[in-house]
Amino acid sequence: MGTTVGSKTFTDQDYADDAVLFTDDPSKWTEILTGFDEACQTMGLHTSWPKTHLQNAGYGTQPCAVTIQGHTVDVTDRFTYLGSDISSCGRSTPETLKRIGFASSVMGQLTSVWRQSRLSLHTKLRLYNALVVSVLLYSAETWTLTKSDEHKLEAFQMSCMRRILGIRWFDFVSNASVMDQVKQCPICSRIRDRRITMFGHVRRLQESVPTHEALRLPVNTRTGVRPDDRIDWKRPRGRPRHTWIRQLEIDVRLTAAAAWDMAGDREVWRTQRPVAGQAVQ
């Protein structure tokens, strides 16, 4: 099993008893899953077939459902792994909407807190950041956001701020006035800061770590190096998709190669990168 990109081969991704297997040949899934289950049994583990699914990671031929030991492994275009929704379209919009829904539910459960007149605004905002923002921004550093996604996130934050301040829609209070009262950093600036921090952290990992290798590939691609050795490789037709590494270039106003070199020194990266809330052109 495994998929090869250039000289790197990625076979699986594991966390505790959760495993993600990779292959670039969908016809091998029966063989791969059977071998995986046999290997698990040697360690006293058993595969949960109802929780096992096949998914196309945004490129290549769509796999077909397979039957393993009388259990059917279905195909899905959306799967929740470690709390995050992985969509076959490769975009972060489904996960963003899911997080907004979860955070909105938390805001509703804390209605009595927001209406409590004996609590100061400072205390309410600390509760908001601890209980609501932590749910909203779970794994946000991995998101690749479109303008529409950013608008939805900012609109949700504004609705939360108005709810905390007790401002109703017919009070005709501008968004600028609301943000001036709460002194909160825009939510997209927080995501930007997390994204920059994660880039630096992964950059400074040892070169043999798979995470470091996986990040190095798109950085090389941005500098013109092909993702593999096939000279006939061409990108798909149409407008190039907005990628995570391209978004990082906009964040730091540097090329991917320059950001990669700078992030190698932690102190330089921390002092020269943009901070959360800083305007990015």
C-alpha atoms as a PDB file:
ATOM      1  CA  MET A   1       0.000   0.000   0.000  1.00  0.00           C
ATOM      2  CA  GLY A   2       1.018   3.637  -0.113  1.00  0.00           C
ATOM      3  CA  THR A   3       1.130   6.555  -2.488  1.00  0.00           C
ATOM      4  CA  THR A   4       4.383   7.943  -3.893  1.00  0.00           C
ATOM      5  CA  VAL A   5       4.985  11.632  -4.488  1.00  0.00           C
ATOM      6  CA  GLY A   6       8.424  12.271  -5.920  1.00  0.00           C
ATOM      7  CA  SER A   7      10.870  10.253  -3.820  1.00  0.00           C
ATOM      8  CA  LYS A   8       8.549  10.122  -0.795  1.00  0.00           C
ATOM      9  CA  THR A   9       6.112   7.293  -0.086  1.00  0.00           C
ATOM     10  CA  PHE A  10       3.260   7.731   2.388  1.00  0.00           C
ATOM     11  CA  THR A  11       1.673   4.488   3.562  1.00  0.00           C
ATOM     12  CA  ASP A  12      -0.454   5.268   6.598  1.00  0.00           C
ATOM     13  CA  GLN A  13      -1.324   7.780   9.282  1.00  0.00           C
ATOM     14  CA  ASP A  14      -1.971   6.495  12.793  1.00  0.00           C
ATOM     15  CA  TYR A  15      -3.232   7.978  16.034  1.00  0.00           C
ATOM     16  CA  ALA A  16      -3.900   5.601  18.947  1.00  0.00           C
ATOM     17  CA  ASP A  17      -6.214   2.929  17.463  1.00  0.00           C
ATOM     18  CA  ASP A  18      -7.283   5.040  14.452  1.00  0.00           C
ATOM     19  CA  ALA A  19      -5.527   4.393  11.153  1.00  0.00           C
ATOM     20  CA  VAL A  20      -5.684   5.930   7.685  1.00  0.00           C
ATOM     21  CA  LEU A  21      -4.265   3.850   4.828  1.00  0.00           C
ATOM     22  CA  PHE A  22      -3.154   5.282   1.478  1.00  0.00           C
ATOM     23  CA  THR A  23      -2.955   3.810  -2.002  1.00  0.00           C
ATOM     24  CA  ASP A  24      -2.889   5.194  -5.527  1.00  0.00           C
ATOM     25  CA  ASP A  25      -4.499   2.033  -6.937  1.00  0.00           C
ATOM     26  CA  PRO A  26      -8.150   1.592  -5.786  1.00  0.00           C
ATOM     27  CA  SER A  27      -8.215  -1.982  -7.149  1.00  0.00           C
ATOM     28  CA  LYS A  28      -5.865  -3.058  -4.325  1.00  0.00           C
ATOM     29  CA  TRP A  29      -8.202  -2.139  -1.447  1.00  0.00           C
ATOM     30  CA  THR A  30      -9.388  -5.719  -0.880  1.00  0.00           C
ATOM     31  CA  GLU A  31      -5.824  -6.975  -0.616  1.00  0.00           C
ATOM     32  CA  ILE A  32      -4.694  -4.031   1.544  1.00  0.00           C
ATOM     33  CA  LEU A  33      -7.568  -4.196   4.013  1.00  0.00           C
ATOM     34  CA  THR A  34      -7.333  -7.968   4.336  1.00  0.00           C
ATOM     35  CA  GLY A  35      -3.618  -7.762   5.063  1.00  0.00           C
ATOM     36  CA  PHE A  36      -4.181  -4.909   7.506  1.00  0.00           C
ATOM     37  CA  ASP A  37      -6.791  -6.902   9.436  1.00  0.00           C
ATOM     38  CA  GLU A  38      -4.522  -9.953   9.615  1.00  0.00           C
ATOM     39  CA  ALA A  39      -1.682  -7.795  10.952  1.00  0.00           C
ATOM     40  CA  CYS A  40      -4.004  -6.282  13.569  1.00  0.00           C
ATOM     41  CA  GLN A  41      -5.048  -9.699  14.843  1.00  0.00           C
ATOM     42  CA  THR A  42      -1.438 -10.632  15.604  1.00  0.00           C
ATOM     43  CA  MET A  43      -1.514  -7.807  18.208  1.00  0.00           C
ATOM     44  CA  GLY A  44      -4.921  -8.693  19.607  1.00  0.00           C
ATOM     45  CA  LEU A  45      -6.726  -5.934  17.675  1.00  0.00           C
ATOM     46  CA  HIS A  46      -9.734  -6.270  15.387  1.00  0.00           C
ATOM     47  CA  THR A  47     -10.866  -3.982  12.581  1.00  0.00           C
ATOM     48  CA  SER A  48     -14.256  -2.316  13.078  1.00  0.00           C
ATOM     49  CA  TRP A  49     -15.687  -2.757   9.605  1.00  0.00           C
ATOM     50  CA  PRO A  50     -18.834  -0.622  10.187  1.00  0.00           C
ATOM     51  CA  LYS A  51     -16.523   2.335  10.959  1.00  0.00           C
ATOM     52  CA  THR A  52     -14.248   1.668   7.984  1.00  0.00           C
ATOM     53  CA  HIS A  53     -14.819   3.603   4.756  1.00  0.00           C
ATOM     54  CA  LEU A  54     -13.107   4.267   1.450  1.00  0.00           C
ATOM     55  CA  GLN A  55     -12.628   7.839   0.309  1.00  0.00           C
ATOM     56  CA  ASN A  56     -11.100   9.578  -2.677  1.00  0.00           C
ATOM     57  CA  ALA A  57      -8.751  12.297  -1.423  1.00  0.00           C
ATOM     58  CA  GLY A  58      -9.650  14.741  -4.175  1.00  0.00           C
ATOM     59  CA  TYR A  59      -7.726  13.188  -7.088  1.00  0.00           C
ATOM     60  CA  GLY A  60      -7.773   9.981  -9.094  1.00  0.00           C
ATOM     61  CA  THR A  61     -10.372   7.314  -9.776  1.00  0.00           C
ATOM     62  CA  GLN A  62     -13.282   7.009  -7.377  1.00  0.00           C
ATOM     63  CA  PRO A  63     -12.965   3.688  -5.487  1.00  0.00           C
ATOM     64  CA  CYS A  64     -15.711   1.079  -5.433  1.00  0.00           C
ATOM     65  CA  ALA A  65     -17.161  -0.577  -2.339  1.00  0.00           C
ATOM     66  CA  VAL A  66     -15.413  -3.800  -1.378  1.00  0.00           C
ATOM     67  CA  THR A  67     -16.432  -6.788   0.747  1.00  0.00           C
ATOM     68  CA  ILE A  68     -14.042  -8.070   3.412  1.00  0.00           C
ATOM     69  CA  GLN A  69     -14.939 -11.213   5.379  1.00  0.00           C
ATOM     70  CA  GLY A  70     -18.614 -10.689   4.601  1.00  0.00           C
ATOM     71  CA  HIS A  71     -18.527  -7.013   5.625  1.00  0.00           C
ATOM     72  CA  THR A  72     -19.110  -4.297   3.047  1.00  0.00           C
ATOM     73  CA  VAL A  73     -16.756  -1.324   3.186  1.00  0.00           C
ATOM     74  CA  ASP A  74     -18.683   1.567   1.643  1.00  0.00           C
ATOM     75  CA  VAL A  75     -17.405   4.620  -0.210  1.00  0.00           C
ATOM     76  CA  THR A  76     -17.933   8.074   1.289  1.00  0.00           C
ATOM     77  CA  ASP A  77     -17.083  11.619   0.246  1.00  0.00           C
ATOM     78  CA  ARG A  78     -16.956  12.960   3.801  1.00  0.00           C
ATOM     79  CA  PHE A  79     -15.412  11.337   6.851  1.00  0.00           C
ATOM     80  CA  THR A  80     -14.759  12.541  10.402  1.00  0.00           C
ATOM     81  CA  TYR A  81     -11.220  11.758  11.541  1.00  0.00           C
ATOM     82  CA  LEU A  82      -9.929  12.936  14.946  1.00  0.00           C
ATOM     83  CA  GLY A  83     -12.836  15.361  15.218  1.00  0.00           C
ATOM     84  CA  SER A  84     -12.313  17.021  11.827  1.00  0.00           C
ATOM     85  CA  ASP A  85     -14.363  16.515   8.677  1.00  0.00           C
ATOM     86  CA  ILE A  86     -12.239  15.344   5.739  1.00  0.00           C
ATOM     87  CA  SER A  87     -14.052  16.134   2.489  1.00  0.00           C
ATOM     88  CA  SER A  88     -13.235  14.623  -0.889  1.00  0.00           C
ATOM     89  CA  CYS A  89     -13.494  18.057  -2.496  1.00  0.00           C
ATOM     90  CA  GLY A  90     -10.354  19.058  -0.593  1.00  0.00           C
ATOM     91  CA  ARG A  91     -11.895  22.275   0.704  1.00  0.00           C
ATOM     92  CA  SER A  92     -12.340  23.397   4.302  1.00  0.00           C
ATOM     93  CA  THR A  93     -15.865  24.801   3.886  1.00  0.00           C
ATOM     94  CA  PRO A  94     -17.670  21.705   5.308  1.00  0.00           C
ATOM     95  CA  GLU A  95     -15.417  21.690   8.379  1.00  0.00           C
ATOM     96  CA  THR A  96     -15.809  25.462   8.819  1.00  0.00           C
ATOM     97  CA  LEU A  97     -19.605  25.231   8.776  1.00  0.00           C
ATOM     98  CA  LYS A  98     -19.492  22.309  11.204  1.00  0.00           C
ATOM     99  CA  ARG A  99     -17.330  24.280  13.641  1.00  0.00           C
ATOM    100  CA  ILE A 100     -19.592  27.315  13.424  1.00  0.00           C
ATOM    101  CA  GLY A 101     -22.530  25.058  14.252  1.00  0.00           C
ATOM    102  CA  PHE A 102     -20.777  23.569  17.284  1.00  0.00           C
ATOM    103  CA  ALA A 103     -19.686  26.989  18.555  1.00  0.00           C
ATOM    104  CA  SER A 104     -23.190  28.376  18.037  1.00  0.00           C
ATOM    105  CA  SER A 105     -24.558  25.556  20.177  1.00  0.00           C
ATOM    106  CA  VAL A 106     -22.124  26.464  22.969  1.00  0.00           C
ATOM    107  CA  MET A 107     -23.172  30.122  22.728  1.00  0.00           C
ATOM    108  CA  GLY A 108     -26.792  29.069  23.142  1.00  0.00           C
ATOM    109  CA  GLN A 109     -26.038  26.938  26.193  1.00  0.00           C
ATOM    110  CA  LEU A 110     -24.377  29.957  27.847  1.00  0.00           C
ATOM    111  CA  THR A 111     -27.298  32.344  27.275  1.00  0.00           C
ATOM    112  CA  SER A 112     -27.856  32.740  31.020  1.00  0.00           C
ATOM    113  CA  VAL A 113     -24.213  33.803  31.386  1.00  0.00           C
ATOM    114  CA  TRP A 114     -24.424  36.456  28.676  1.00  0.00           C
ATOM    115  CA  ARG A 115     -27.570  37.865  30.299  1.00  0.00           C
ATOM    116  CA  GLN A 116     -25.993  37.973  33.758  1.00  0.00           C
ATOM    117  CA  SER A 117     -25.703  41.676  34.641  1.00  0.00           C
ATOM    118  CA  ARG A 118     -23.469  41.021  37.659  1.00  0.00           C
ATOM    119  CA  LEU A 119     -20.677  39.661  35.460  1.00  0.00           C
ATOM    120  CA  SER A 120     -18.285  42.167  33.956  1.00  0.00           C
ATOM    121  CA  LEU A 121     -17.689  42.355  30.220  1.00  0.00           C
ATOM    122  CA  HIS A 122     -14.099  41.253  30.817  1.00  0.00           C
ATOM    123  CA  THR A 123     -15.274  38.037  32.505  1.00  0.00           C
ATOM    124  CA  LYS A 124     -17.774  37.293  29.752  1.00  0.00           C
ATOM    125  CA  LEU A 125     -15.140  37.733  27.077  1.00  0.00           C
ATOM    126  CA  ARG A 126     -12.763  35.406  28.918  1.00  0.00           C
ATOM    127  CA  LEU A 127     -15.506  32.782  29.035  1.00  0.00           C
ATOM    128  CA  TYR A 128     -16.214  33.367  25.345  1.00  0.00           C
ATOM    129  CA  ASN A 129     -12.567  32.817  24.395  1.00  0.00           C
ATOM    130  CA  ALA A 130     -12.217  29.745  26.610  1.00  0.00           C
ATOM    131  CA  LEU A 131     -15.483  27.980  25.796  1.00  0.00           C
ATOM    132  CA  VAL A 132     -16.616  29.215  22.380  1.00  0.00           C
ATOM    133  CA  VAL A 133     -13.497  30.181  20.450  1.00  0.00           C
ATOM    134  CA  SER A 134     -11.723  26.970  21.481  1.00  0.00           C
ATOM    135  CA  VAL A 135     -14.553  24.971  19.872  1.00  0.00           C
ATOM    136  CA  LEU A 136     -14.757  27.211  16.802  1.00  0.00           C
ATOM    137  CA  LEU A 137     -11.027  27.112  16.018  1.00  0.00           C
ATOM    138  CA  TYR A 138     -10.358  23.424  16.610  1.00  0.00           C
ATOM    139  CA  SER A 139      -7.690  22.460  14.013  1.00  0.00           C
ATOM    140  CA  ALA A 140      -8.221  25.851  12.300  1.00  0.00           C
ATOM    141  CA  GLU A 141      -4.497  26.103  11.542  1.00  0.00           C
ATOM    142  CA  THR A 142      -5.001  23.438   8.855  1.00  0.00           C
ATOM    143  CA  TRP A 143      -7.865  25.212   7.076  1.00  0.00           C
ATOM    144  CA  THR A 144      -7.587  26.733   3.617  1.00  0.00           C
ATOM    145  CA  LEU A 145     -10.222  29.453   3.669  1.00  0.00           C
ATOM    146  CA  THR A 146     -12.048  31.136   0.823  1.00  0.00           C
ATOM    147  CA  LYS A 147     -13.400  34.672   1.090  1.00  0.00           C
ATOM    148  CA  SER A 148     -16.847  33.214   1.708  1.00  0.00           C
ATOM    149  CA  ASP A 149     -15.519  31.110   4.589  1.00  0.00           C
ATOM    150  CA  GLU A 150     -13.834  34.135   6.145  1.00  0.00           C
ATOM    151  CA  HIS A 151     -17.011  36.201   5.896  1.00  0.00           C
ATOM    152  CA  LYS A 152     -19.009  33.465   7.634  1.00  0.00           C
ATOM    153  CA  LEU A 153     -16.486  33.239  10.455  1.00  0.00           C
ATOM    154  CA  GLU A 154     -16.350  37.000  10.947  1.00  0.00           C
ATOM    155  CA  ALA A 155     -20.158  37.229  10.838  1.00  0.00           C
ATOM    156  CA  PHE A 156     -20.399  34.552  13.531  1.00  0.00           C
ATOM    157  CA  GLN A 157     -17.919  36.374  15.750  1.00  0.00           C
ATOM    158  CA  MET A 158     -19.849  39.623  15.318  1.00  0.00           C
ATOM    159  CA  SER A 159     -23.132  37.954  16.240  1.00  0.00           C
ATOM    160  CA  CYS A 160     -21.453  36.561  19.381  1.00  0.00           C
ATOM    161  CA  MET A 161     -20.111  39.974  20.367  1.00  0.00           C
ATOM    162  CA  ARG A 162     -23.527  41.586  19.925  1.00  0.00           C
ATOM    163  CA  ARG A 163     -25.101  38.834  21.986  1.00  0.00           C
ATOM    164  CA  ILE A 164     -22.616  39.321  24.806  1.00  0.00           C
ATOM    165  CA  LEU A 165     -23.145  43.093  24.769  1.00  0.00           C
ATOM    166  CA  GLY A 166     -26.911  42.697  24.617  1.00  0.00           C
ATOM    167  CA  ILE A 167     -27.159  44.624  21.341  1.00  0.00           C
ATOM    168  CA  ARG A 168     -30.189  43.795  19.215  1.00  0.00           C
ATOM    169  CA  TRP A 169     -30.466  44.166  15.465  1.00  0.00           C
ATOM    170  CA  PHE A 170     -32.788  47.174  15.661  1.00  0.00           C
ATOM    171  CA  ASP A 171     -30.382  49.132  17.893  1.00  0.00           C
ATOM    172  CA  PHE A 172     -28.450  50.199  14.772  1.00  0.00           C
ATOM    173  CA  VAL A 173     -24.994  49.825  16.304  1.00  0.00           C
ATOM    174  CA  SER A 174     -22.184  49.559  13.754  1.00  0.00           C
ATOM    175  CA  ASN A 175     -19.753  46.651  13.690  1.00  0.00           C
ATOM    176  CA  ALA A 176     -16.848  49.046  14.223  1.00  0.00           C
ATOM    177  CA  SER A 177     -18.464  50.329  17.401  1.00  0.00           C
ATOM    178  CA  VAL A 178     -19.001  46.773  18.666  1.00  0.00           C
ATOM    179  CA  MET A 179     -15.374  45.773  18.057  1.00  0.00           C
ATOM    180  CA  ASP A 180     -14.202  48.989  19.711  1.00  0.00           C
ATOM    181  CA  GLN A 181     -16.083  47.990  22.880  1.00  0.00           C
ATOM    182  CA  VAL A 182     -14.907  44.383  23.085  1.00  0.00           C
ATOM    183  CA  LYS A 183     -11.309  44.905  21.879  1.00  0.00           C
ATOM    184  CA  GLN A 184     -11.270  41.436  20.334  1.00  0.00           C
ATOM    185  CA  CYS A 185      -8.904  40.357  17.571  1.00  0.00           C
ATOM    186  CA  PRO A 186     -10.713  39.414  14.310  1.00  0.00           C
ATOM    187  CA  ILE A 187     -11.250  35.674  14.167  1.00  0.00           C
ATOM    188  CA  CYS A 188      -9.474  35.320  10.806  1.00  0.00           C
ATOM    189  CA  SER A 189      -6.404  37.022  12.278  1.00  0.00           C
ATOM    190  CA  ARG A 190      -6.324  34.379  14.996  1.00  0.00           C
ATOM    191  CA  ILE A 191      -6.468  31.653  12.377  1.00  0.00           C
ATOM    192  CA  ARG A 192      -3.694  33.379  10.433  1.00  0.00           C
ATOM    193  CA  ASP A 193      -1.471  33.493  13.500  1.00  0.00           C
ATOM    194  CA  ARG A 194      -2.075  29.798  14.230  1.00  0.00           C
ATOM    195  CA  ARG A 195      -1.295  28.896  10.630  1.00  0.00           C
ATOM    196  CA  ILE A 196       2.002  30.780  10.724  1.00  0.00           C
ATOM    197  CA  THR A 197       2.917  29.209  14.065  1.00  0.00           C
ATOM    198  CA  MET A 198       2.232  25.688  12.800  1.00  0.00           C
ATOM    199  CA  PHE A 199       4.305  26.282   9.662  1.00  0.00           C
ATOM    200  CA  GLY A 200       7.288  27.269  11.767  1.00  0.00           C
ATOM    201  CA  HIS A 201       6.827  24.329  14.130  1.00  0.00           C
ATOM    202  CA  VAL A 202       6.656  21.749  11.328  1.00  0.00           C
ATOM    203  CA  ARG A 203       9.545  23.411   9.492  1.00  0.00           C
ATOM    204  CA  ARG A 204      11.830  22.912  12.487  1.00  0.00           C
ATOM    205  CA  LEU A 205      11.044  19.206  12.871  1.00  0.00           C
ATOM    206  CA  GLN A 206      13.676  16.699  11.859  1.00  0.00           C
ATOM    207  CA  GLU A 207      13.817  16.066   8.116  1.00  0.00           C
ATOM    208  CA  SER A 208      12.990  12.380   8.615  1.00  0.00           C
ATOM    209  CA  VAL A 209       9.626  13.202  10.256  1.00  0.00           C
ATOM    210  CA  PRO A 210       6.778  12.519   7.764  1.00  0.00           C
ATOM    211  CA  THR A 211       5.052  15.806   8.657  1.00  0.00           C
ATOM    212  CA  HIS A 212       8.176  17.737   7.716  1.00  0.00           C
ATOM    213  CA  GLU A 213       8.467  15.815   4.449  1.00  0.00           C
ATOM    214  CA  ALA A 214       4.796  16.377   3.596  1.00  0.00           C
ATOM    215  CA  LEU A 215       5.131  20.141   4.082  1.00  0.00           C
ATOM    216  CA  ARG A 216       8.357  20.288   2.118  1.00  0.00           C
ATOM    217  CA  LEU A 217       6.610  18.911  -0.985  1.00  0.00           C
ATOM    218  CA  PRO A 218       4.223  21.862  -1.567  1.00  0.00           C
ATOM    219  CA  VAL A 219       7.031  24.306  -0.742  1.00  0.00           C
ATOM    220  CA  ASN A 220       9.132  22.722  -3.488  1.00  0.00           C
ATOM    221  CA  THR A 221       6.158  22.790  -5.835  1.00  0.00           C
ATOM    222  CA  ARG A 222       5.735  26.539  -5.296  1.00  0.00           C
ATOM    223  CA  THR A 223       9.353  27.015  -6.403  1.00  0.00           C
ATOM    224  CA  GLY A 224       8.696  25.176  -9.676  1.00  0.00           C
ATOM    225  CA  VAL A 225       9.862  21.681  -8.730  1.00  0.00           C
ATOM    226  CA  ARG A 226       7.462  19.050 -10.066  1.00  0.00           C
ATOM    227  CA  PRO A 227       5.784  16.828  -7.436  1.00  0.00           C
ATOM    228  CA  ASP A 228       7.199  13.697  -9.094  1.00  0.00           C
ATOM    229  CA  ASP A 229       9.570  12.551 -11.778  1.00  0.00           C
ATOM    230  CA  ARG A 230       7.013  12.341 -14.583  1.00  0.00           C
ATOM    231  CA  ILE A 231       7.970  14.838 -17.256  1.00  0.00           C
ATOM    232  CA  ASP A 232       4.486  14.654 -18.775  1.00  0.00           C
ATOM    233  CA  TRP A 233       2.787  15.907 -15.594  1.00  0.00           C
ATOM    234  CA  LYS A 234       0.526  18.939 -16.044  1.00  0.00           C
ATOM    235  CA  ARG A 235      -1.803  20.663 -13.628  1.00  0.00           C
ATOM    236  CA  PRO A 236      -5.574  20.305 -14.242  1.00  0.00           C
ATOM    237  CA  ARG A 237      -7.304  22.791 -16.488  1.00  0.00           C
ATOM    238  CA  GLY A 238      -8.928  25.869 -15.010  1.00  0.00           C
ATOM    239  CA  ARG A 239      -7.994  28.378 -12.372  1.00  0.00           C
ATOM    240  CA  PRO A 240      -5.441  27.017  -9.861  1.00  0.00           C
ATOM    241  CA  ARG A 241      -7.035  26.211  -6.528  1.00  0.00           C
ATOM    242  CA  HIS A 242      -6.158  28.391  -3.543  1.00  0.00           C
ATOM    243  CA  THR A 243      -3.877  26.163  -1.481  1.00  0.00           C
ATOM    244  CA  TRP A 244      -2.747  26.231   2.146  1.00  0.00           C
ATOM    245  CA  ILE A 245       0.831  27.065   1.213  1.00  0.00           C
ATOM    246  CA  ARG A 246      -0.344  29.898  -1.050  1.00  0.00           C
ATOM    247  CA  GLN A 247      -2.420  31.232   1.812  1.00  0.00           C
ATOM    248  CA  LEU A 248       0.659  31.184   4.026  1.00  0.00           C
ATOM    249  CA  GLU A 249       2.586  33.205   1.434  1.00  0.00           C
ATOM    250  CA  ILE A 250      -0.126  35.861   1.599  1.00  0.00           C
ATOM    251  CA  ASP A 251      -0.006  35.796   5.405  1.00  0.00           C
ATOM    252  CA  VAL A 252       3.724  36.436   5.674  1.00  0.00           C
ATOM    253  CA  ARG A 253       4.146  38.338   2.389  1.00  0.00           C
ATOM    254  CA  LEU A 254       7.038  36.065   1.440  1.00  0.00           C
ATOM    255  CA  THR A 255       7.547  33.301  -1.077  1.00  0.00           C
ATOM    256  CA  ALA A 256       7.232  29.763   0.236  1.00  0.00           C
ATOM    257  CA  ALA A 257      10.974  29.211  -0.173  1.00  0.00           C
ATOM    258  CA  ALA A 258      11.850  32.416   1.717  1.00  0.00           C
ATOM    259  CA  ALA A 259       9.378  31.559   4.499  1.00  0.00           C
ATOM    260  CA  TRP A 260      10.856  28.055   4.720  1.00  0.00           C
ATOM    261  CA  ASP A 261      14.358  29.440   5.171  1.00  0.00           C
ATOM    262  CA  MET A 262      13.289  32.057   7.718  1.00  0.00           C
ATOM    263  CA  ALA A 263      11.192  29.606   9.772  1.00  0.00           C
ATOM    264  CA  GLY A 264      14.270  27.471  10.357  1.00  0.00           C
ATOM    265  CA  ASP A 265      15.344  29.984  13.013  1.00  0.00           C
ATOM    266  CA  ARG A 266      12.666  30.171  15.693  1.00  0.00           C
ATOM    267  CA  GLU A 267      13.637  33.573  17.073  1.00  0.00           C
ATOM    268  CA  VAL A 268      13.792  35.163  13.621  1.00  0.00           C
ATOM    269  CA  TRP A 269      10.444  33.623  12.674  1.00  0.00           C
ATOM    270  CA  ARG A 270       8.766  34.856  15.855  1.00  0.00           C
ATOM    271  CA  THR A 271      10.083  38.407  15.589  1.00  0.00           C
ATOM    272  CA  GLN A 272       9.724  39.053  11.847  1.00  0.00           C
ATOM    273  CA  ARG A 273       6.469  37.309  11.007  1.00  0.00           C
ATOM    274  CA  PRO A 274       3.160  39.296  11.056  1.00  0.00           C
ATOM    275  CA  VAL A 275       1.285  39.149  14.347  1.00  0.00           C
ATOM    276  CA  ALA A 276      -2.428  38.352  14.772  1.00  0.00           C
ATOM    277  CA  GLY A 277      -4.513  41.343  13.826  1.00  0.00           C
ATOM    278  CA  GLN A 278      -1.875  42.913  11.570  1.00  0.00           C
ATOM    279  CA  ALA A 279      -3.227  43.962   8.206  1.00  0.00           C
ATOM    280  CA  VAL A 280      -2.130  41.775   5.305  1.00  0.00           C
ATOM    281  CA  GLN A 281      -2.360  43.145   1.801  1.00  0.00           C
END
